[in-house]
């Protein structure tokens, strides 16, 4: 649309909004340690209660506005079909330019959902840009004292990583509310967030008439297996908050990343930022998901995405693979940030070593 900033301009020009924010007290450490979890947790993590039929799900819009109400109607009907009750945030339909209302109001909705004892999970309705602007405005003590499922992806990466960093809460990189509620997405959400299964995330093998699988393929970058705490999200949003004080410790992590509509040079720049910040070197394994519309352009006058991945991931010497069903795709995994997993770069799988919910 003429006059509207592009996604890249919005994400990259807003990075400075975070610097200078104050570090908030994450809450009483003894209380956090006393939280009952659903299995032997990694040190310092807090597992939210699993979702159950009849629960209320709070709906918030931390980023872009949703101009069309129909997808939200579909979301509310979907939750009802799952025997869940959707509770829209007070400012869900607000708008300020491309944002879903003022920063203060979007943050207030997130804070209110964590404070509300009726709400058992918080689902972000859509992404875009703007969640990172809320971080200095969140009530970290309230969030720490009311651990709940938080789910979303893309721009919601800012909330997923910061909530885990500040409170130890396991958060969930999965479909936003206006994503496609297909059987694949719903199955993974139920298995991870409802049933509390320690699943193996393996790409869907679709039957076809070719000799070998063609769709949903993975590609091994560096072979091997590795174990660590699962962390990651959208590469652009991730790099936007590097240096802000809202990121967790990445030592010995299994790092997963994805993006959309970024040229290879842009991905190269962001991987370089993670390298220079010392984050890549801390990973024990790396998973690259998908990157829709990230082609090098006609004539191949640039590096390709596989070139960029090889340049940055192979020198790490840790197991790595690409092509996981993570990111801006119709069918995607629901990945729990903070739990211990095993990566198998040869098989192209991520196996949870513990439940993500209590």
Protein backbone atom coordinates (compact mmCIF):
# COMPACT_ATOMS: atom_id res chain seq x y z
CA UNK A 1 0.00 0.00 0.00
CA UNK A 2 1.50 3.41 -0.96
CA UNK A 3 2.82 5.28 2.06
CA UNK A 4 2.85 2.26 4.33
CA UNK A 5 6.26 1.19 5.66
CA UNK A 6 7.46 -2.26 4.64
CA UNK A 7 7.85 -5.05 7.16
CA UNK A 8 11.64 -4.75 6.96
CA UNK A 9 11.55 -0.98 7.53
CA UNK A 10 9.27 -1.40 10.55
CA UNK A 11 11.37 -4.09 12.19
CA UNK A 12 14.80 -2.63 11.61
CA UNK A 13 14.04 1.07 12.18
CA UNK A 14 12.42 0.39 15.56
CA UNK A 15 15.32 -1.42 17.26
CA UNK A 16 16.41 1.70 19.16
CA UNK A 17 13.04 1.86 20.94
CA UNK A 18 14.25 -0.78 23.40
CA UNK A 19 17.57 0.66 24.51
CA UNK A 20 17.63 2.40 27.84
CA UNK A 21 14.75 0.36 29.26
CA UNK A 22 15.04 -0.53 32.93
CA UNK A 23 15.59 -4.07 34.17
CA UNK A 24 12.52 -5.13 36.16
CA UNK A 25 12.53 -7.46 39.11
CA UNK A 26 11.42 -10.86 37.76
CA UNK A 27 9.73 -11.77 41.03
CA UNK A 28 10.55 -13.75 44.14
CA UNK A 29 13.08 -16.46 43.26
CA UNK A 30 11.98 -18.75 46.09
CA UNK A 31 8.41 -18.60 44.87
CA UNK A 32 9.51 -19.44 41.32
CA UNK A 33 11.45 -22.47 42.54
CA UNK A 34 8.39 -23.72 44.41
CA UNK A 35 6.20 -23.88 41.30
CA UNK A 36 5.13 -27.46 40.66
CA UNK A 37 6.16 -28.77 37.23
CA UNK A 38 5.08 -31.75 35.20
CA UNK A 39 8.44 -33.51 35.11
CA UNK A 40 12.11 -33.05 35.89
CA UNK A 41 12.71 -29.50 34.58
CA UNK A 42 15.87 -27.84 33.40
CA UNK A 43 17.32 -25.62 36.15
CA UNK A 44 15.37 -22.42 36.63
CA UNK A 45 12.42 -23.10 34.32
CA UNK A 46 8.75 -22.76 35.22
CA UNK A 47 6.18 -24.93 33.47
CA UNK A 48 2.67 -23.52 33.00
CA UNK A 49 -0.40 -25.62 33.71
CA UNK A 50 -1.61 -27.61 30.72
CA UNK A 51 -4.67 -26.48 28.81
CA UNK A 52 -7.88 -28.40 29.52
CA UNK A 53 -11.37 -28.47 28.05
CA UNK A 54 -13.51 -25.73 29.54
CA UNK A 55 -10.55 -23.38 30.09
CA UNK A 56 -10.61 -19.70 29.17
CA UNK A 57 -8.04 -18.47 26.65
CA UNK A 58 -7.14 -14.78 26.70
CA UNK A 59 -6.76 -13.17 23.27
CA UNK A 60 -4.30 -10.29 22.88
CA UNK A 61 -2.96 -8.25 19.98
CA UNK A 62 0.61 -7.16 20.92
CA UNK A 63 1.65 -6.06 17.43
CA UNK A 64 -0.22 -5.09 14.26
CA UNK A 65 -3.92 -4.31 14.15
CA UNK A 66 -6.38 -6.79 12.68
CA UNK A 67 -8.56 -4.72 10.37
CA UNK A 68 -10.86 -7.58 9.33
CA UNK A 69 -12.99 -8.97 12.20
CA UNK A 70 -13.85 -12.21 10.38
CA UNK A 71 -10.61 -14.08 11.31
CA UNK A 72 -11.29 -13.24 14.96
CA UNK A 73 -14.85 -14.56 14.60
CA UNK A 74 -13.35 -17.75 13.17
CA UNK A 75 -10.89 -17.94 16.08
CA UNK A 76 -13.67 -17.58 18.67
CA UNK A 77 -15.75 -20.24 16.90
CA UNK A 78 -12.72 -22.54 16.73
CA UNK A 79 -12.05 -22.20 20.44
CA UNK A 80 -15.70 -22.93 21.15
CA UNK A 81 -15.51 -26.05 18.97
CA UNK A 82 -12.57 -27.16 21.13
CA UNK A 83 -14.67 -26.60 24.26
CA UNK A 84 -12.61 -23.56 25.19
CA UNK A 85 -13.79 -20.04 25.93
CA UNK A 86 -12.11 -17.14 24.14
CA UNK A 87 -11.78 -13.91 26.12
CA UNK A 88 -10.84 -10.91 23.95
CA UNK A 89 -8.58 -8.30 25.49
CA UNK A 90 -10.08 -4.90 26.25
CA UNK A 91 -8.08 -3.27 23.46
CA UNK A 92 -8.19 -6.12 20.92
CA UNK A 93 -9.84 -3.98 18.25
CA UNK A 94 -7.96 -0.75 18.93
CA UNK A 95 -5.83 0.81 16.19
CA UNK A 96 -3.06 3.38 16.10
CA UNK A 97 -1.61 3.45 12.61
CA UNK A 98 -0.39 -0.07 11.91
CA UNK A 99 -0.44 -0.99 15.63
CA UNK A 100 -3.36 -2.54 17.51
CA UNK A 101 -3.62 0.56 19.70
CA UNK A 102 -1.13 2.41 21.89
CA UNK A 103 1.86 0.59 23.36
CA UNK A 104 0.49 1.17 26.86
CA UNK A 105 -2.87 -0.38 26.01
CA UNK A 106 -1.46 -3.41 24.21
CA UNK A 107 0.83 -4.04 27.19
CA UNK A 108 -2.09 -3.55 29.57
CA UNK A 109 -3.99 -6.34 27.81
CA UNK A 110 -1.06 -8.73 28.23
CA UNK A 111 -0.67 -7.78 31.89
CA UNK A 112 -4.41 -8.14 32.50
CA UNK A 113 -4.55 -11.63 31.00
CA UNK A 114 -1.76 -12.86 33.26
CA UNK A 115 -3.40 -11.24 36.29
CA UNK A 116 -6.85 -12.67 35.51
CA UNK A 117 -7.36 -15.95 37.45
CA UNK A 118 -10.06 -17.00 34.99
CA UNK A 119 -7.59 -17.01 32.07
CA UNK A 120 -5.53 -20.20 31.77
CA UNK A 121 -3.62 -19.43 28.54
CA UNK A 122 -2.74 -16.32 26.51
CA UNK A 123 -2.93 -16.58 22.73
CA UNK A 124 -1.52 -13.81 20.54
CA UNK A 125 -3.92 -13.17 17.67
CA UNK A 126 -1.39 -11.97 15.09
CA UNK A 127 2.17 -10.69 14.65
CA UNK A 128 3.64 -8.02 12.37
CA UNK A 129 5.72 -5.61 14.44
CA UNK A 130 5.34 -3.96 17.85
CA UNK A 131 5.62 -6.61 20.57
CA UNK A 132 9.17 -5.54 21.44
CA UNK A 133 7.91 -2.03 22.20
CA UNK A 134 5.88 -3.51 25.06
CA UNK A 135 8.77 -5.08 26.97
CA UNK A 136 9.54 -2.09 29.25
CA UNK A 137 5.80 -1.83 30.00
CA UNK A 138 5.11 -5.40 31.12
CA UNK A 139 4.37 -6.23 34.76
CA UNK A 140 7.08 -8.85 35.29
CA UNK A 141 6.14 -9.58 38.90
CA UNK A 142 2.53 -10.36 37.94
CA UNK A 143 3.64 -12.56 35.03
CA UNK A 144 6.11 -14.42 37.25
CA UNK A 145 3.48 -15.08 39.90
CA UNK A 146 0.89 -16.28 37.38
CA UNK A 147 2.65 -18.67 34.99
CA UNK A 148 0.44 -19.45 32.00
CA UNK A 149 0.77 -20.76 28.47
CA UNK A 150 1.76 -18.01 26.04
CA UNK A 151 1.66 -18.96 22.36
CA UNK A 152 2.45 -17.20 19.07
CA UNK A 153 5.25 -16.76 16.56
CA UNK A 154 6.90 -14.24 14.22
CA UNK A 155 6.83 -10.86 16.01
CA UNK A 156 5.66 -12.65 19.16
CA UNK A 157 9.26 -13.93 19.41
CA UNK A 158 9.97 -10.79 21.47
CA UNK A 159 7.48 -11.92 24.13
CA UNK A 160 8.40 -15.60 24.01
CA UNK A 161 12.10 -14.93 24.65
CA UNK A 162 11.67 -12.09 27.15
CA UNK A 163 9.10 -13.88 29.31
CA UNK A 164 11.35 -16.91 29.47
CA UNK A 165 14.38 -14.73 30.24
CA UNK A 166 12.70 -12.72 33.00
CA UNK A 167 10.57 -15.39 34.70
CA UNK A 168 11.83 -18.80 33.55
CA UNK A 169 8.40 -19.47 32.03
CA UNK A 170 8.24 -22.06 29.24
CA UNK A 171 6.62 -20.29 26.28
CA UNK A 172 5.35 -21.72 23.00
CA UNK A 173 6.41 -20.87 19.45
CA UNK A 174 3.31 -21.91 17.55
CA UNK A 175 0.41 -20.66 15.42
CA UNK A 176 -1.10 -17.27 16.18
CA UNK A 177 -4.84 -16.95 16.54
CA UNK A 178 -5.46 -16.03 12.89
CA UNK A 179 -3.28 -18.87 11.59
CA UNK A 180 -4.88 -21.79 9.79
CA UNK A 181 -6.43 -24.16 12.31
CA UNK A 182 -5.72 -27.30 10.30
CA UNK A 183 -5.38 -30.79 11.76
CA UNK A 184 -1.56 -30.65 11.65
CA UNK A 185 -1.32 -27.45 13.71
CA UNK A 186 -4.05 -28.51 16.11
CA UNK A 187 -2.51 -31.95 16.67
CA UNK A 188 0.87 -30.51 17.68
CA UNK A 189 -0.71 -27.89 19.94
CA UNK A 190 -2.81 -30.52 21.70
CA UNK A 191 0.05 -32.97 22.13
CA UNK A 192 2.43 -30.36 23.55
CA UNK A 193 0.17 -27.93 25.45
CA UNK A 194 -2.81 -30.15 26.39
CA UNK A 195 -1.49 -33.69 26.74
CA UNK A 196 1.97 -32.77 28.01
CA UNK A 197 3.69 -35.25 25.70
CA UNK A 198 7.45 -35.24 25.19
CA UNK A 199 7.13 -35.43 21.40
CA UNK A 200 9.55 -35.83 18.51
CA UNK A 201 9.09 -33.05 15.97
CA UNK A 202 9.57 -34.66 12.55
CA UNK A 203 8.44 -33.17 9.25
CA UNK A 204 5.29 -34.60 7.72
CA UNK A 205 5.94 -37.32 5.13
CA UNK A 206 3.31 -36.86 2.44
CA UNK A 207 2.45 -39.74 0.12
CA UNK A 208 3.06 -38.96 -3.54
CA UNK A 209 3.96 -40.69 -6.76
CA UNK A 210 7.66 -39.82 -6.75
CA UNK A 211 10.42 -42.29 -6.01
CA UNK A 212 11.74 -40.30 -3.03
CA UNK A 213 10.07 -37.69 -0.79
CA UNK A 214 9.88 -34.23 -2.35
CA UNK A 215 7.75 -32.15 0.02
CA UNK A 216 8.78 -31.04 3.52
CA UNK A 217 12.36 -32.20 3.07
CA UNK A 218 15.12 -31.39 5.56
CA UNK A 219 18.77 -30.84 4.66
CA UNK A 220 21.64 -31.76 6.95
CA UNK A 221 24.16 -28.94 7.25
CA UNK A 222 26.40 -30.58 9.84
CA UNK A 223 25.63 -34.17 10.92
CA UNK A 224 25.30 -35.40 14.48
CA UNK A 225 23.17 -35.19 17.61
CA UNK A 226 23.15 -32.62 20.41
CA UNK A 227 21.19 -31.91 23.56
CA UNK A 228 20.33 -28.58 25.12
CA UNK A 229 17.64 -26.11 26.07
CA UNK A 230 15.41 -25.16 23.12
CA UNK A 231 15.45 -21.43 22.35
CA UNK A 232 14.85 -19.28 19.29
CA UNK A 233 12.21 -17.76 17.06
CA UNK A 234 12.03 -15.26 14.22
CA UNK A 235 15.52 -14.16 13.20
CA UNK A 236 14.62 -10.54 12.45
CA UNK A 237 12.77 -9.98 15.73
CA UNK A 238 15.44 -11.88 17.65
CA UNK A 239 18.24 -9.66 16.36
CA UNK A 240 16.14 -6.54 17.00
CA UNK A 241 16.32 -7.14 20.77
CA UNK A 242 19.95 -8.26 20.99
CA UNK A 243 21.64 -6.04 23.59
CA UNK A 244 18.35 -4.98 25.18
CA UNK A 245 18.58 -7.05 28.36
CA UNK A 246 15.44 -9.02 27.46
CA UNK A 247 17.13 -12.15 26.11
CA UNK A 248 17.84 -15.39 28.00
CA UNK A 249 21.21 -17.09 28.43
CA UNK A 250 21.96 -19.06 25.26
CA UNK A 251 24.77 -21.17 26.69
CA UNK A 252 24.51 -24.78 25.46
CA UNK A 253 21.14 -24.17 23.79
CA UNK A 254 19.55 -25.80 20.78
CA UNK A 255 18.83 -22.73 18.66
CA UNK A 256 15.97 -22.63 16.13
CA UNK A 257 15.38 -19.77 13.71
CA UNK A 258 13.01 -18.84 10.86
CA UNK A 259 12.05 -15.80 8.79
CA UNK A 260 10.02 -14.54 5.86
CA UNK A 261 10.40 -12.02 3.02
CA UNK A 262 14.08 -11.34 3.68
CA UNK A 263 16.75 -11.19 0.99
CA UNK A 264 19.79 -13.44 1.53
CA UNK A 265 21.99 -10.41 2.24
CA UNK A 266 19.63 -9.40 5.04
CA UNK A 267 19.75 -12.89 6.56
CA UNK A 268 23.53 -12.77 6.26
CA UNK A 269 23.62 -9.46 8.13
CA UNK A 270 21.44 -10.82 10.95
CA UNK A 271 23.41 -14.05 11.31
CA UNK A 272 26.55 -11.90 11.46
CA UNK A 273 24.98 -9.90 14.29
CA UNK A 274 24.28 -13.10 16.25
CA UNK A 275 27.84 -14.21 15.58
CA UNK A 276 29.39 -10.93 16.73
CA UNK A 277 27.14 -10.91 19.81
CA UNK A 278 28.55 -14.32 20.76
CA UNK A 279 25.17 -16.06 20.56
CA UNK A 280 25.86 -18.50 17.72
CA UNK A 281 29.01 -19.78 19.40
CA UNK A 282 27.01 -20.75 22.50
CA UNK A 283 24.65 -23.09 20.63
CA UNK A 284 25.16 -26.85 20.83
CA UNK A 285 22.98 -27.31 17.76
CA UNK A 286 21.02 -25.19 15.27
CA UNK A 287 17.76 -25.76 13.38
CA UNK A 288 16.71 -23.54 10.49
CA UNK A 289 13.01 -23.63 9.71
CA UNK A 290 11.51 -21.98 6.66
CA UNK A 291 12.04 -18.67 4.88
CA UNK A 292 9.24 -17.99 2.43
CA UNK A 293 9.98 -15.39 -0.29
CA UNK A 294 13.70 -15.30 0.52
CA UNK A 295 14.93 -16.09 -2.97
CA UNK A 296 18.18 -14.60 -4.35
CA UNK A 297 16.42 -13.08 -7.37
CA UNK A 298 16.81 -13.74 -11.06
CA UNK A 299 20.34 -14.32 -12.27
CA UNK A 300 21.58 -15.47 -8.83
CA UNK A 301 23.41 -12.16 -8.38
CA UNK A 302 23.75 -12.87 -4.67
CA UNK A 303 24.40 -15.59 -2.17
CA UNK A 304 21.48 -17.96 -1.64
CA UNK A 305 19.88 -18.88 1.68
CA UNK A 306 21.72 -22.25 1.71
CA UNK A 307 24.98 -20.34 1.08
CA UNK A 308 24.30 -18.07 4.05
CA UNK A 309 23.44 -21.01 6.31
CA UNK A 310 26.59 -22.87 5.29
CA UNK A 311 28.74 -19.75 5.85
CA UNK A 312 27.48 -19.21 9.39
CA UNK A 313 26.53 -22.65 10.69
CA UNK A 314 29.17 -25.02 9.32
CA UNK A 315 32.07 -23.20 11.06
CA UNK A 316 30.32 -23.75 14.42
CA UNK A 317 31.05 -27.47 14.15
CA UNK A 318 27.77 -28.39 15.87
CA UNK A 319 24.89 -30.46 14.48
CA UNK A 320 22.63 -28.37 12.26
CA UNK A 321 19.89 -28.90 9.71
CA UNK A 322 17.46 -26.83 7.65
CA UNK A 323 13.88 -27.21 6.49
CA UNK A 324 12.00 -27.91 9.74
CA UNK A 325 8.30 -27.08 9.64
CA UNK A 326 8.81 -23.93 11.70
CA UNK A 327 7.83 -20.42 10.68
CA UNK A 328 5.56 -18.68 8.20
CA UNK A 329 3.95 -21.81 6.79
CA UNK A 330 0.40 -23.15 6.95
CA UNK A 331 1.52 -26.22 8.88
CA UNK A 332 3.93 -25.67 11.73
CA UNK A 333 5.13 -27.24 14.96
CA UNK A 334 4.39 -25.88 18.42
CA UNK A 335 7.83 -25.63 20.01
CA UNK A 336 8.29 -25.08 23.78
CA UNK A 337 11.04 -22.60 24.62
CA UNK A 338 13.11 -23.55 27.64
CA UNK A 339 12.76 -27.34 27.77
CA UNK A 340 15.54 -29.85 27.20
CA UNK A 341 15.57 -31.43 23.73
CA UNK A 342 17.75 -33.59 21.52
CA UNK A 343 18.48 -32.50 17.96
CA UNK A 344 19.26 -35.14 15.32
CA UNK A 345 20.63 -33.34 12.28
CA UNK A 346 20.79 -36.51 10.17
CA UNK A 347 17.16 -37.48 10.79
CA UNK A 348 15.96 -33.86 10.82
CA UNK A 349 14.20 -34.14 14.18
CA UNK A 350 13.87 -32.39 17.55
CA UNK A 351 12.93 -34.66 20.46
CA UNK A 352 11.63 -33.24 23.72
CA UNK A 353 13.29 -34.84 26.74
CA UNK A 354 10.62 -33.60 29.17
CA UNK A 355 7.05 -32.34 29.23
CA UNK A 356 6.53 -28.62 28.65
CA UNK A 357 3.49 -28.25 30.93
CA UNK A 358 2.55 -29.18 34.47
